[in-house]
Amino acid sequence: MKFKVLAAILVIALLFIPVTISPNVAKKSIKMENTENIIQNTEKSQTQYWALLVAVGVYAYNPDMDRPSMLRAIDDFYNTLLVSPFWNESHIKVIKGANATVANIMAGFSWLAKNAKDDDICLIYLTTHGFPIIFDLPPRDEADGMDEALAAYRGFLPLPNPFSWEPLANPFGIITDDEINFMLNRIHAKGIAMIVDSCHSGGFNDNWSYAKSYDFASELGKDLKGRNRVILTSVREDETSYGSFFSDGIIKGLQGYADSNKNGFVSAEEAFYYARDIILNNFGGMHPQIFDDYPGELALTSVEFPPSMPSIEGNETGKTNVSYTYKLISYDPEGDRIKYEIDWGNEIEQTGFYNSGVAAEIKHSWKKEGTYEIRARAIDEHGAYSDWNEITVTMAYPEHKIDQRQVNESYGYLVNDTRWLAQSFIPAMNDIKKIELALICWDNRDIEVEIRDGLNGMVMARASKEIMATNDWQVQWISFAIDANLTAGKKYYIVCHSSQSDWGLAWATSGDDVYQDGEFYHSKDGGNTWEAHPIDACFVTYG
């Protein structure tokens, strides 16, 4: 009762006090009003939103074809949809990774067809490898004589391809455009948006003459085009869909950046043109395409801008079992409150809410010696996520000291039996007890690490390990116990190689020359000859 009286007095007082509304508040009020209007209209027409999101990303028999960015993109897509009031969890089916088999994907289409009604809106997102099939399967509807296909989890055979370095397609692990079109025709909805972000198996195009004039995205779009459909594809003829950049552009657009008419909503068409411009301005070999026969524009989300990527300030080196304070700051463009999610490398923590622009100070300690990636992102009160920011920290046991350290990660150089890598360094201590290397492993590999007094000089210390693969291609900081008696101030070399051939292991490096006391080297012939590069490998030495 007391609250109601105070509220009434406040309202009466405000009637007689001039109030200036900030542009952000005004925009937010308009956005909320528009959102409420469209929700009311949706409720009146009984329109519901349904989505099938599919990302393969990993492939049963060919880890070299794995694309972790696809798995990240589908999570971002899912989170972006849930921020909008059009969507709820029970109306979104996510199929990804090892679950993205042909049977499960087809079951996902059946789920969509079963639940979507005539007044509903459907969204389908597919990201995986795409390629042509050498012949046109019934109903033989292809002008170029070839069907198109998308790879599911078992989409490639565990056999060598005599015509290309890429694997052979498994006819029982792919989904053709005819099958997708058949499943789409079973969905009776007033609007269907389909987004396909798929790269070709580039070797197929490079090594088969029939593929030279092949237009994957165009043909797929035409095959899928139908009444009230909007089809968005990432590439056209003889093009590769690099990474998940098209998906990233679509997702960013759906957050609100694509709202070109400023009505508070983002349509499939607006998201496409926003993503297309990003692609055309940054990737010369990609040309996204749209096929649209939906009357008007197909609204998919309401505008809810995410907070900025948070800054992270705090100690980058220290001792174990000591608590250090890290300061995080993010800003929300609409003034929403913000909370932070922090992955400390050894545990994940989430804070309470802070006002936009107010620093959050969080304490943390590490019990085990090593190098950790700290990642943090901001989440506003509506659930909109920022991009991740990260810093790399190294914590040493009390009896150890951190000697040399280079932790800037940008690239990865392959390591195998013939591709040897090396990084020179100048120790500040005479005794080195441990080395850590930043490695990326997607297929179990052994690695041998040596400290030499020259690229082809005396081996001062040696250690080896079996590195286990991760399915997300994330950097692993791997430690090697050594006992090297060196001379402080003299140059030495960390040399890496494996007994195994092919791809599966890489050493992370910087993008430029950031470590002033050393250089990075690469050998293509098992360490006989070396070539220097103006970058540096990621490593830490302990004394």
Protein backbone atom coordinates (compact mmCIF):
# COMPACT_ATOMS: atom_id res chain seq x y z
CA MET A 1 0.00 0.00 0.00
CA LYS A 2 2.83 2.39 0.88
CA PHE A 3 4.46 1.75 -2.51
CA LYS A 4 1.18 2.52 -4.35
CA VAL A 5 0.79 5.88 -2.55
CA LEU A 6 4.37 6.91 -3.29
CA ALA A 7 3.95 5.90 -6.92
CA ALA A 8 0.78 7.99 -7.24
CA ILE A 9 2.51 11.05 -5.72
CA LEU A 10 5.44 10.57 -8.12
CA VAL A 11 3.12 10.40 -11.16
CA ILE A 12 1.24 13.57 -10.09
CA ALA A 13 4.53 15.40 -9.51
CA LEU A 14 5.84 14.39 -12.93
CA LEU A 15 2.78 15.96 -14.59
CA PHE A 16 4.05 19.39 -13.51
CA ILE A 17 7.81 18.90 -14.04
CA PRO A 18 9.42 19.29 -17.49
CA VAL A 19 11.14 15.98 -18.34
CA THR A 20 13.79 15.47 -21.03
CA ILE A 21 13.87 11.96 -22.45
CA SER A 22 17.28 10.81 -23.70
CA PRO A 23 17.48 9.52 -27.29
CA ASN A 24 18.24 5.99 -26.04
CA VAL A 25 15.20 5.98 -23.75
CA ALA A 26 13.01 7.37 -26.53
CA LYS A 27 14.22 4.71 -28.98
CA LYS A 28 13.69 2.04 -26.38
CA SER A 29 10.14 3.23 -25.72
CA ILE A 30 9.33 3.19 -29.43
CA LYS A 31 10.89 -0.26 -29.78
CA MET A 32 8.88 -1.61 -26.85
CA GLU A 33 5.69 -0.11 -28.26
CA ASN A 34 6.35 -1.63 -31.69
CA THR A 35 7.19 -4.98 -30.13
CA GLU A 36 3.99 -4.96 -28.07
CA ASN A 37 1.97 -4.14 -31.19
CA ILE A 38 3.41 -6.96 -33.23
CA ILE A 39 3.02 -9.40 -30.33
CA GLN A 40 -0.63 -8.38 -29.96
CA ASN A 41 -1.17 -8.82 -33.70
CA THR A 42 0.59 -12.19 -33.55
CA GLU A 43 -1.61 -13.31 -30.68
CA LYS A 44 -4.76 -12.21 -32.53
CA SER A 45 -3.78 -14.15 -35.64
CA GLN A 46 -2.52 -17.13 -33.57
CA THR A 47 0.82 -16.90 -35.35
CA GLN A 48 3.59 -18.92 -33.75
CA TYR A 49 7.29 -19.05 -34.63
CA TRP A 50 9.06 -22.39 -35.14
CA ALA A 51 12.73 -23.02 -35.90
CA LEU A 52 14.92 -25.95 -36.92
CA LEU A 53 18.61 -25.18 -36.43
CA VAL A 54 21.16 -27.68 -37.81
CA ALA A 55 24.95 -27.46 -37.63
CA VAL A 56 27.05 -30.52 -38.37
CA GLY A 57 30.54 -29.16 -37.72
CA VAL A 58 32.10 -32.57 -36.91
CA TYR A 59 32.32 -35.55 -39.24
CA ALA A 60 32.52 -39.15 -38.07
CA TYR A 61 35.28 -40.47 -40.28
CA ASN A 62 37.16 -37.31 -41.26
CA PRO A 63 38.18 -34.94 -38.45
CA ASP A 64 40.09 -32.86 -41.01
CA MET A 65 36.69 -31.72 -42.29
CA ASP A 66 35.58 -30.57 -38.82
CA ARG A 67 34.53 -26.93 -38.59
CA PRO A 68 34.11 -25.83 -34.93
CA SER A 69 32.90 -22.40 -36.06
CA MET A 70 29.65 -24.05 -37.19
CA LEU A 71 28.96 -25.29 -33.66
CA ARG A 72 29.70 -21.86 -32.22
CA ALA A 73 27.44 -20.21 -34.82
CA ILE A 74 24.44 -22.40 -34.04
CA ASP A 75 24.73 -21.59 -30.33
CA ASP A 76 24.86 -17.88 -31.16
CA PHE A 77 21.89 -18.25 -33.50
CA TYR A 78 19.86 -20.03 -30.81
CA ASN A 79 20.68 -17.43 -28.14
CA THR A 80 19.82 -14.58 -30.52
CA LEU A 81 16.39 -16.02 -31.25
CA LEU A 82 15.55 -16.50 -27.57
CA VAL A 83 16.15 -12.80 -26.86
CA SER A 84 13.23 -11.92 -29.15
CA PRO A 85 9.68 -12.26 -27.74
CA PHE A 86 8.64 -14.11 -30.92
CA TRP A 87 10.51 -17.22 -29.84
CA ASN A 88 10.49 -19.71 -26.98
CA GLU A 89 12.62 -22.77 -26.27
CA SER A 90 9.92 -25.33 -26.93
CA HIS A 91 9.52 -24.03 -30.50
CA ILE A 92 13.21 -24.33 -31.41
CA LYS A 93 14.83 -27.67 -32.24
CA VAL A 94 18.64 -27.71 -32.30
CA ILE A 95 20.50 -30.58 -33.98
CA LYS A 96 24.29 -30.34 -33.97
CA GLY A 97 27.54 -32.25 -33.95
CA ALA A 98 27.38 -36.03 -33.75
CA ASN A 99 23.59 -35.83 -33.44
CA ALA A 100 23.30 -34.27 -36.91
CA THR A 101 22.75 -37.56 -38.72
CA VAL A 102 20.56 -37.88 -41.78
CA ALA A 103 17.86 -39.60 -39.73
CA ASN A 104 17.84 -36.91 -37.04
CA ILE A 105 17.83 -34.03 -39.52
CA MET A 106 14.91 -35.59 -41.41
CA ALA A 107 13.12 -36.12 -38.10
CA GLY A 108 13.69 -32.43 -37.39
CA PHE A 109 11.95 -31.48 -40.63
CA SER A 110 9.08 -33.84 -39.70
CA TRP A 111 8.82 -32.18 -36.28
CA LEU A 112 8.55 -28.81 -37.99
CA ALA A 113 5.90 -30.03 -40.42
CA LYS A 114 3.89 -31.59 -37.61
CA ASN A 115 3.87 -28.52 -35.37
CA ALA A 116 3.73 -25.56 -37.76
CA LYS A 117 0.22 -24.46 -38.71
CA ASP A 118 -1.07 -22.39 -41.61
CA ASP A 119 -0.69 -19.07 -39.74
CA ASP A 120 2.82 -19.79 -38.43
CA ILE A 121 6.32 -18.65 -39.40
CA CYS A 122 9.13 -21.18 -39.80
CA LEU A 123 12.90 -20.68 -39.81
CA ILE A 124 15.38 -23.32 -40.98
CA TYR A 125 19.14 -22.86 -40.56
CA LEU A 126 21.59 -25.35 -42.06
CA THR A 127 25.37 -25.13 -41.90
CA THR A 128 27.71 -27.90 -43.07
CA HIS A 129 29.79 -28.84 -46.12
CA GLY A 130 28.00 -28.67 -49.48
CA PHE A 131 28.95 -30.21 -52.81
CA PRO A 132 27.51 -31.34 -56.16
CA ILE A 133 26.50 -34.90 -56.94
CA ILE A 134 27.79 -36.18 -60.28
CA PHE A 135 24.31 -37.10 -61.51
CA ASP A 136 20.74 -35.84 -61.20
CA LEU A 137 18.70 -38.21 -59.07
CA PRO A 138 14.95 -38.62 -59.72
CA PRO A 139 12.85 -36.50 -60.26
CA ARG A 140 15.67 -35.37 -62.63
CA ASP A 141 14.92 -31.69 -62.32
CA GLU A 142 18.40 -30.20 -62.71
CA ALA A 143 19.32 -28.11 -65.75
CA ASP A 144 23.01 -28.79 -65.13
CA GLY A 145 22.45 -32.54 -64.71
CA MET A 146 23.56 -32.59 -61.07
CA ASP A 147 21.81 -32.63 -57.75
CA GLU A 148 23.21 -30.73 -54.80
CA ALA A 149 23.92 -32.24 -51.40
CA LEU A 150 24.73 -31.29 -47.81
CA ALA A 151 26.90 -33.51 -45.62
CA ALA A 152 25.49 -34.91 -42.38
CA TYR A 153 27.58 -36.34 -39.52
CA ARG A 154 28.55 -39.44 -41.56
CA GLY A 155 28.71 -37.48 -44.80
CA PHE A 156 32.19 -38.63 -45.83
CA LEU A 157 33.65 -42.10 -46.38
CA PRO A 158 36.76 -43.25 -44.47
CA LEU A 159 38.50 -43.86 -47.81
CA PRO A 160 41.12 -41.91 -49.76
CA ASN A 161 39.90 -39.88 -52.71
CA PRO A 162 42.04 -40.63 -55.82
CA PHE A 163 41.09 -37.30 -57.40
CA SER A 164 41.42 -34.87 -54.47
CA TRP A 165 42.85 -34.37 -51.00
CA GLU A 166 39.27 -34.11 -49.72
CA PRO A 167 37.35 -37.24 -48.70
CA LEU A 168 34.75 -39.04 -50.75
CA ALA A 169 31.08 -38.38 -50.00
CA ASN A 170 29.09 -41.14 -48.31
CA PRO A 171 25.85 -41.59 -50.31
CA PHE A 172 24.08 -42.70 -47.12
CA GLY A 173 25.31 -39.72 -45.09
CA ILE A 174 24.16 -36.82 -47.24
CA ILE A 175 20.91 -34.95 -47.84
CA THR A 176 20.11 -33.82 -51.37
CA ASP A 177 18.29 -30.70 -52.43
CA ASP A 178 15.41 -32.88 -53.67
CA GLU A 179 14.99 -34.36 -50.18
CA ILE A 180 15.08 -30.93 -48.55
CA ASN A 181 12.55 -29.61 -51.06
CA PHE A 182 10.27 -32.58 -50.37
CA MET A 183 10.42 -31.92 -46.62
CA LEU A 184 9.80 -28.19 -47.11
CA ASN A 185 6.71 -28.92 -49.18
CA ARG A 186 5.26 -30.76 -46.18
CA ILE A 187 5.46 -27.60 -44.04
CA HIS A 188 2.25 -25.60 -44.33
CA ALA A 189 3.12 -22.19 -42.93
CA LYS A 190 2.40 -18.67 -44.11
CA GLY A 191 6.14 -17.89 -44.18
CA ILE A 192 9.31 -19.98 -44.37
CA ALA A 193 12.83 -18.58 -44.14
CA MET A 194 15.69 -20.93 -44.93
CA ILE A 195 19.35 -20.02 -44.39
CA VAL A 196 22.07 -22.24 -45.86
CA ASP A 197 25.70 -21.56 -44.97
CA SER A 198 27.74 -24.32 -46.58
CA CYS A 199 31.13 -24.52 -48.17
CA HIS A 200 31.87 -26.82 -51.09
CA SER A 201 34.28 -29.62 -50.96
CA GLY A 202 36.74 -27.44 -52.87
CA GLY A 203 38.73 -30.35 -54.25
CA PHE A 204 35.68 -31.66 -56.07
CA ASN A 205 35.35 -28.39 -57.94
CA ASP A 206 39.05 -28.14 -58.60
CA ASN A 207 39.49 -31.63 -59.95
CA TRP A 208 36.34 -32.36 -61.94
CA SER A 209 35.72 -30.53 -65.18
CA TYR A 210 31.94 -30.79 -64.84
CA ALA A 211 32.07 -28.66 -61.72
CA LYS A 212 33.71 -25.64 -63.29
CA SER A 213 30.39 -24.06 -64.26
CA TYR A 214 28.57 -25.43 -61.25
CA ASP A 215 26.57 -22.94 -59.20
CA PHE A 216 25.77 -24.63 -55.89
CA ALA A 217 24.00 -21.83 -54.06
CA SER A 218 22.04 -20.68 -57.09
CA GLU A 219 20.82 -24.16 -57.98
CA LEU A 220 19.99 -24.97 -54.37
CA GLY A 221 18.10 -21.72 -54.00
CA LYS A 222 16.09 -22.32 -57.17
CA ASP A 223 15.26 -25.86 -56.13
CA LEU A 224 14.07 -24.74 -52.72
CA LYS A 225 12.23 -21.66 -53.93
CA GLY A 226 8.50 -21.93 -53.41
CA ARG A 227 5.43 -20.10 -52.26
CA ASN A 228 6.02 -17.72 -49.34
CA ARG A 229 9.66 -18.75 -48.97
CA VAL A 230 12.80 -16.70 -48.44
CA ILE A 231 15.99 -18.64 -49.19
CA LEU A 232 19.35 -17.16 -48.13
CA THR A 233 22.59 -18.77 -49.29
CA SER A 234 26.18 -17.86 -48.51
CA VAL A 235 27.87 -18.35 -51.90
CA ARG A 236 27.39 -18.85 -55.63
CA GLU A 237 29.25 -20.75 -58.38
CA ASP A 238 32.66 -22.26 -57.66
CA GLU A 239 32.87 -20.46 -54.32
CA THR A 240 33.74 -21.58 -50.83
CA SER A 241 31.85 -20.33 -47.79
CA TYR A 242 34.82 -19.44 -45.63
CA GLY A 243 34.44 -20.11 -41.94
CA SER A 244 31.03 -19.05 -40.63
CA PHE A 245 31.27 -15.41 -41.65
CA PHE A 246 27.92 -15.39 -43.45
CA SER A 247 26.23 -16.91 -40.39
CA ASP A 248 27.95 -14.38 -38.16
CA GLY A 249 26.62 -11.54 -40.33
CA ILE A 250 23.07 -12.93 -40.27
CA ILE A 251 23.19 -13.34 -36.49
CA LYS A 252 24.55 -9.83 -35.98
CA GLY A 253 21.85 -8.49 -38.25
CA LEU A 254 19.10 -10.32 -36.35
CA GLN A 255 20.29 -8.72 -33.10
CA GLY A 256 19.15 -5.39 -34.51
CA TYR A 257 21.99 -4.05 -36.65
CA ALA A 258 20.09 -4.93 -39.85
CA ASP A 259 16.97 -2.91 -38.95
CA SER A 260 17.35 -0.58 -41.93
CA ASN A 261 13.80 0.82 -41.82
CA LYS A 262 14.04 1.46 -38.04
CA ASN A 263 10.70 -0.20 -37.26
CA GLY A 264 12.07 -2.21 -34.33
CA PHE A 265 12.13 -5.55 -36.17
CA VAL A 266 14.57 -7.43 -38.36
CA SER A 267 13.32 -9.35 -41.36
CA ALA A 268 15.04 -12.21 -43.17
CA GLU A 269 15.58 -9.82 -46.06
CA GLU A 270 17.16 -7.11 -43.89
CA ALA A 271 19.45 -9.67 -42.22
CA PHE A 272 20.55 -10.93 -45.63
CA TYR A 273 21.51 -7.54 -47.04
CA TYR A 274 23.34 -6.64 -43.83
CA ALA A 275 25.35 -9.90 -43.97
CA ARG A 276 25.87 -9.62 -47.73
CA ASP A 277 27.48 -6.19 -47.42
CA ILE A 278 29.87 -7.46 -44.75
CA ILE A 279 30.85 -10.40 -46.95
CA LEU A 280 31.29 -8.35 -50.13
CA ASN A 281 33.41 -5.78 -48.30
CA ASN A 282 35.70 -8.35 -46.72
CA PHE A 283 35.75 -11.54 -48.81
CA GLY A 284 36.27 -11.24 -52.53
CA GLY A 285 35.46 -14.87 -53.28
CA MET A 286 32.01 -14.97 -51.68
CA HIS A 287 28.76 -13.66 -53.15
CA PRO A 288 25.68 -14.37 -50.99
CA GLN A 289 22.34 -14.79 -52.75
CA ILE A 290 18.68 -14.35 -51.85
CA PHE A 291 15.60 -15.95 -53.41
CA ASP A 292 12.46 -14.25 -52.14
CA ASP A 293 8.83 -14.81 -53.00
CA TYR A 294 7.38 -13.91 -49.59
CA PRO A 295 4.92 -10.99 -49.88
CA GLY A 296 6.43 -8.04 -48.02
CA GLU A 297 9.20 -8.75 -45.53
CA LEU A 298 9.42 -11.78 -43.26
CA ALA A 299 10.05 -10.49 -39.71
CA LEU A 300 12.17 -12.87 -37.61
CA THR A 301 13.29 -10.92 -34.53
CA SER A 302 12.70 -7.72 -32.61
CA VAL A 303 15.61 -5.36 -32.08
CA GLU A 304 17.60 -5.98 -28.91
CA PHE A 305 21.18 -4.77 -29.22
CA PRO A 306 23.70 -6.73 -27.15
CA PRO A 307 26.14 -5.09 -24.74
CA SER A 308 29.66 -4.25 -25.87
CA MET A 309 32.42 -6.81 -25.55
CA PRO A 310 33.72 -6.29 -21.99
CA SER A 311 37.21 -5.04 -21.26
CA ILE A 312 39.24 -7.19 -18.85
CA GLU A 313 41.91 -5.71 -16.60
CA GLY A 314 44.03 -7.61 -14.08
CA ASN A 315 47.23 -9.57 -13.46
CA GLU A 316 48.45 -11.65 -16.39
CA THR A 317 51.13 -13.42 -14.33
CA GLY A 318 51.18 -14.42 -10.70
CA LYS A 319 51.36 -17.21 -8.17
CA THR A 320 49.01 -20.08 -7.44
CA ASN A 321 46.68 -19.85 -4.41
CA VAL A 322 46.83 -16.05 -4.48
CA SER A 323 43.58 -14.15 -5.07
CA TYR A 324 43.76 -11.56 -7.87
CA THR A 325 41.15 -8.93 -8.75
CA TYR A 326 39.92 -8.58 -12.34
CA LYS A 327 37.87 -5.60 -13.49
CA LEU A 328 35.25 -5.98 -16.24
CA ILE A 329 33.39 -3.12 -17.94
CA SER A 330 30.75 -3.26 -20.67
CA TYR A 331 28.23 -0.78 -22.07
CA ASP A 332 24.71 -1.51 -23.27
CA PRO A 333 23.51 0.72 -26.15
CA GLU A 334 20.00 0.78 -24.67
CA GLY A 335 21.10 1.34 -21.08
CA ASP A 336 20.07 -2.14 -19.90
CA ARG A 337 21.64 -3.66 -16.83
CA ILE A 338 24.49 -6.10 -17.45
CA LYS A 339 25.82 -9.25 -15.84
CA TYR A 340 29.05 -11.03 -16.70
CA GLU A 341 29.90 -14.64 -17.47
CA ILE A 342 33.56 -15.49 -16.86
CA ASP A 343 35.34 -18.68 -17.88
CA TRP A 344 38.47 -18.71 -15.74
CA GLY A 345 39.98 -21.72 -17.50
CA ASN A 346 39.38 -23.89 -14.44
CA GLU A 347 35.77 -22.94 -13.66
CA ILE A 348 32.88 -20.78 -14.93
CA GLU A 349 31.32 -17.99 -12.87
CA GLN A 350 28.41 -15.61 -13.43
CA THR A 351 27.96 -12.30 -11.61
CA GLY A 352 24.85 -10.41 -10.59
CA PHE A 353 23.62 -7.40 -12.58
CA TYR A 354 25.47 -4.06 -12.81
CA ASN A 355 24.41 -0.81 -14.41
CA SER A 356 25.76 -0.22 -17.89
CA GLY A 357 29.30 1.16 -17.73
CA VAL A 358 29.81 0.30 -14.05
CA ALA A 359 32.93 -1.78 -13.38
CA ALA A 360 32.52 -5.25 -11.92
CA GLU A 361 35.44 -6.36 -9.76
CA ILE A 362 35.78 -10.12 -9.36
CA LYS A 363 38.44 -12.02 -7.41
CA HIS A 364 39.86 -15.35 -8.52
CA SER A 365 42.74 -17.70 -7.72
CA TRP A 366 44.22 -20.81 -9.34
CA LYS A 367 45.46 -23.87 -7.46
CA LYS A 368 47.35 -25.55 -10.30
CA GLU A 369 50.35 -24.06 -12.07
CA GLY A 370 49.82 -23.29 -15.74
CA THR A 371 48.62 -20.93 -18.42
CA TYR A 372 44.88 -20.21 -18.61
CA GLU A 373 42.62 -18.47 -21.10
CA ILE A 374 40.25 -16.10 -19.25
CA ARG A 375 37.13 -15.45 -21.33
CA ALA A 376 34.35 -13.05 -20.41
CA ARG A 377 31.15 -11.82 -22.03
CA ALA A 378 28.39 -9.45 -21.00
CA ILE A 379 24.70 -10.39 -20.91
CA ASP A 380 21.98 -7.76 -20.65
CA GLU A 381 18.76 -8.19 -18.68
CA HIS A 382 16.92 -9.36 -21.82
CA GLY A 383 19.43 -12.15 -22.43
CA ALA A 384 21.40 -10.53 -25.28
CA TYR A 385 25.02 -11.71 -25.30
CA SER A 386 28.11 -9.71 -26.21
CA ASP A 387 31.09 -11.19 -28.03
CA TRP A 388 33.68 -12.92 -25.87
CA ASN A 389 36.83 -11.10 -24.84
CA GLU A 390 39.82 -12.94 -23.46
CA ILE A 391 43.22 -12.55 -21.88
CA THR A 392 45.83 -15.20 -21.14
CA VAL A 393 47.27 -15.54 -17.64
CA THR A 394 50.10 -17.67 -16.28
CA MET A 395 50.26 -18.74 -12.63
CA ALA A 396 53.40 -20.37 -11.19
CA TYR A 397 53.91 -22.45 -8.08
CA PRO A 398 55.75 -20.56 -5.29
CA GLU A 399 58.96 -22.52 -5.99
CA HIS A 400 58.92 -21.64 -9.70
CA LYS A 401 59.48 -18.41 -11.61
CA ILE A 402 58.11 -17.51 -15.02
CA ASP A 403 61.07 -16.91 -17.31
CA GLN A 404 60.06 -16.27 -20.97
CA ARG A 405 56.46 -15.85 -22.15
CA GLN A 406 54.71 -15.24 -25.51
CA VAL A 407 50.93 -15.81 -25.41
CA ASN A 408 49.50 -13.83 -28.37
CA GLU A 409 47.51 -16.35 -30.43
CA SER A 410 46.42 -15.66 -34.01
CA TYR A 411 47.37 -18.61 -36.21
CA GLY A 412 48.37 -22.25 -36.05
CA TYR A 413 51.23 -23.98 -37.89
CA LEU A 414 50.95 -27.70 -38.62
CA VAL A 415 53.36 -30.13 -36.95
CA ASN A 416 54.04 -33.66 -38.22
CA ASP A 417 56.90 -35.98 -39.18
CA THR A 418 58.19 -33.74 -41.98
CA ARG A 419 56.87 -30.32 -40.88
CA TRP A 420 59.08 -29.31 -37.96
CA LEU A 421 58.72 -26.01 -36.11
CA ALA A 422 61.08 -24.04 -33.89
CA GLN A 423 61.07 -20.91 -31.72
CA SER A 424 64.23 -19.25 -30.42
CA PHE A 425 64.36 -17.60 -27.00
CA ILE A 426 66.86 -16.05 -24.61
CA PRO A 427 66.45 -17.29 -21.02
CA ALA A 428 67.01 -15.00 -18.08
CA MET A 429 67.77 -18.01 -15.84
CA ASN A 430 70.33 -20.81 -16.02
CA ASP A 431 67.96 -23.64 -15.12
CA ILE A 432 64.69 -24.23 -17.02
CA LYS A 433 62.40 -26.79 -15.37
CA LYS A 434 59.29 -26.68 -17.54
CA ILE A 435 58.00 -25.54 -20.94
CA GLU A 436 54.38 -24.89 -21.92
CA LEU A 437 53.26 -24.82 -25.55
CA ALA A 438 49.94 -23.61 -26.99
CA LEU A 439 48.79 -26.52 -29.17
CA ILE A 440 45.69 -27.18 -31.26
CA CYS A 441 44.86 -30.87 -31.68
CA TRP A 442 41.93 -32.26 -33.66
CA ASP A 443 43.24 -35.82 -34.17
CA ASN A 444 45.24 -37.58 -31.43
CA ARG A 445 48.95 -36.97 -32.05
CA ASP A 446 52.31 -37.49 -30.37
CA ILE A 447 54.77 -34.61 -30.13
CA GLU A 448 58.43 -34.38 -29.18
CA VAL A 449 59.86 -31.14 -27.79
CA GLU A 450 63.56 -30.37 -27.61
CA ILE A 451 65.69 -27.48 -26.41
CA ARG A 452 68.71 -27.06 -28.68
CA ASP A 453 71.62 -24.69 -28.75
CA GLY A 454 71.05 -24.20 -32.50
CA LEU A 455 68.42 -25.13 -35.05
CA ASN A 456 70.47 -28.21 -35.92
CA GLY A 457 72.61 -28.08 -32.81
CA MET A 458 73.04 -30.06 -29.59
CA VAL A 459 69.92 -31.24 -27.79
CA MET A 460 70.02 -29.78 -24.26
CA ALA A 461 66.77 -31.39 -23.07
CA ARG A 462 63.95 -33.47 -24.52
CA ALA A 463 60.35 -34.41 -23.59
CA SER A 464 57.45 -36.05 -25.40
CA LYS A 465 53.70 -36.46 -24.92
CA GLU A 466 50.56 -37.86 -26.51
CA ILE A 467 48.18 -34.96 -27.21
CA MET A 468 44.47 -35.76 -27.09
CA ALA A 469 42.13 -34.17 -29.61
CA THR A 470 39.38 -31.71 -28.75
CA ASN A 471 36.30 -31.31 -30.93
CA ASP A 472 36.33 -27.50 -30.78
CA TRP A 473 39.85 -26.78 -32.06
CA GLN A 474 40.54 -24.74 -28.95
CA VAL A 475 44.10 -23.99 -27.85
CA GLN A 476 45.43 -26.32 -25.17
CA TRP A 477 48.35 -25.18 -23.04
CA ILE A 478 50.40 -28.38 -22.67
CA SER A 479 53.26 -28.59 -20.17
CA PHE A 480 56.49 -30.56 -20.65
CA ALA A 481 58.70 -31.30 -17.65
CA ILE A 482 62.36 -30.82 -18.55
CA ASP A 483 65.65 -30.19 -16.77
CA ALA A 484 67.81 -27.96 -18.94
CA ASN A 485 71.01 -26.37 -17.69
CA LEU A 486 71.34 -23.29 -19.92
CA THR A 487 73.34 -20.08 -19.92
CA ALA A 488 71.29 -16.99 -19.15
CA GLY A 489 71.46 -14.44 -21.94
CA LYS A 490 72.35 -16.98 -24.66
CA LYS A 491 69.97 -17.90 -27.50
CA TYR A 492 68.36 -21.37 -27.55
CA TYR A 493 65.71 -23.06 -29.68
CA ILE A 494 62.49 -24.92 -28.82
CA VAL A 495 62.08 -27.52 -31.60
CA CYS A 496 58.83 -29.48 -32.13
CA HIS A 497 58.07 -32.49 -34.33
CA SER A 498 55.88 -35.60 -34.42
CA SER A 499 56.34 -39.19 -35.55
CA GLN A 500 52.99 -39.09 -37.35
CA SER A 501 52.16 -37.78 -40.81
CA ASP A 502 49.13 -35.90 -42.16
CA TRP A 503 47.16 -33.22 -40.32
CA GLY A 504 46.03 -33.27 -36.72
CA LEU A 505 48.27 -31.01 -34.65
CA ALA A 506 49.31 -27.35 -34.82
CA TRP A 507 51.42 -24.96 -32.72
CA ALA A 508 49.67 -21.63 -32.12
CA THR A 509 51.55 -18.50 -33.17
CA SER A 510 51.14 -14.74 -33.08
CA GLY A 511 50.19 -12.74 -36.14
CA ASP A 512 53.35 -10.64 -36.12
CA ASP A 513 56.74 -10.29 -34.42
CA VAL A 514 55.75 -9.67 -30.79
CA TYR A 515 58.55 -11.47 -28.88
CA GLN A 516 61.71 -9.42 -29.21
CA ASP A 517 64.13 -12.09 -27.96
CA GLY A 518 63.42 -14.75 -30.56
CA GLU A 519 62.18 -15.84 -33.98
CA PHE A 520 59.89 -18.52 -35.38
CA TYR A 521 61.16 -21.12 -37.88
CA HIS A 522 59.53 -23.68 -40.14
CA SER A 523 61.04 -26.74 -41.83
CA LYS A 524 59.34 -28.74 -44.60
CA ASP A 525 61.94 -31.51 -44.72
CA GLY A 526 62.14 -32.85 -41.18
CA GLY A 527 64.55 -30.27 -39.80
CA ASN A 528 67.21 -30.33 -42.51
CA THR A 529 66.55 -26.79 -43.74
CA TRP A 530 64.79 -23.96 -41.93
CA GLU A 531 62.89 -20.83 -42.97
CA ALA A 532 62.34 -17.87 -40.61
CA HIS A 533 58.96 -16.10 -40.30
CA PRO A 534 58.22 -12.67 -38.74
CA ILE A 535 55.90 -14.16 -36.09
CA ASP A 536 56.40 -15.97 -32.79
CA ALA A 537 55.13 -19.27 -31.42
CA CYS A 538 53.19 -19.29 -28.15
CA PHE A 539 55.24 -20.65 -25.24
CA VAL A 540 56.09 -20.17 -21.57
CA THR A 541 59.26 -21.27 -19.81
CA TYR A 542 59.63 -21.74 -16.05
CA GLY A 543 62.80 -21.68 -13.98
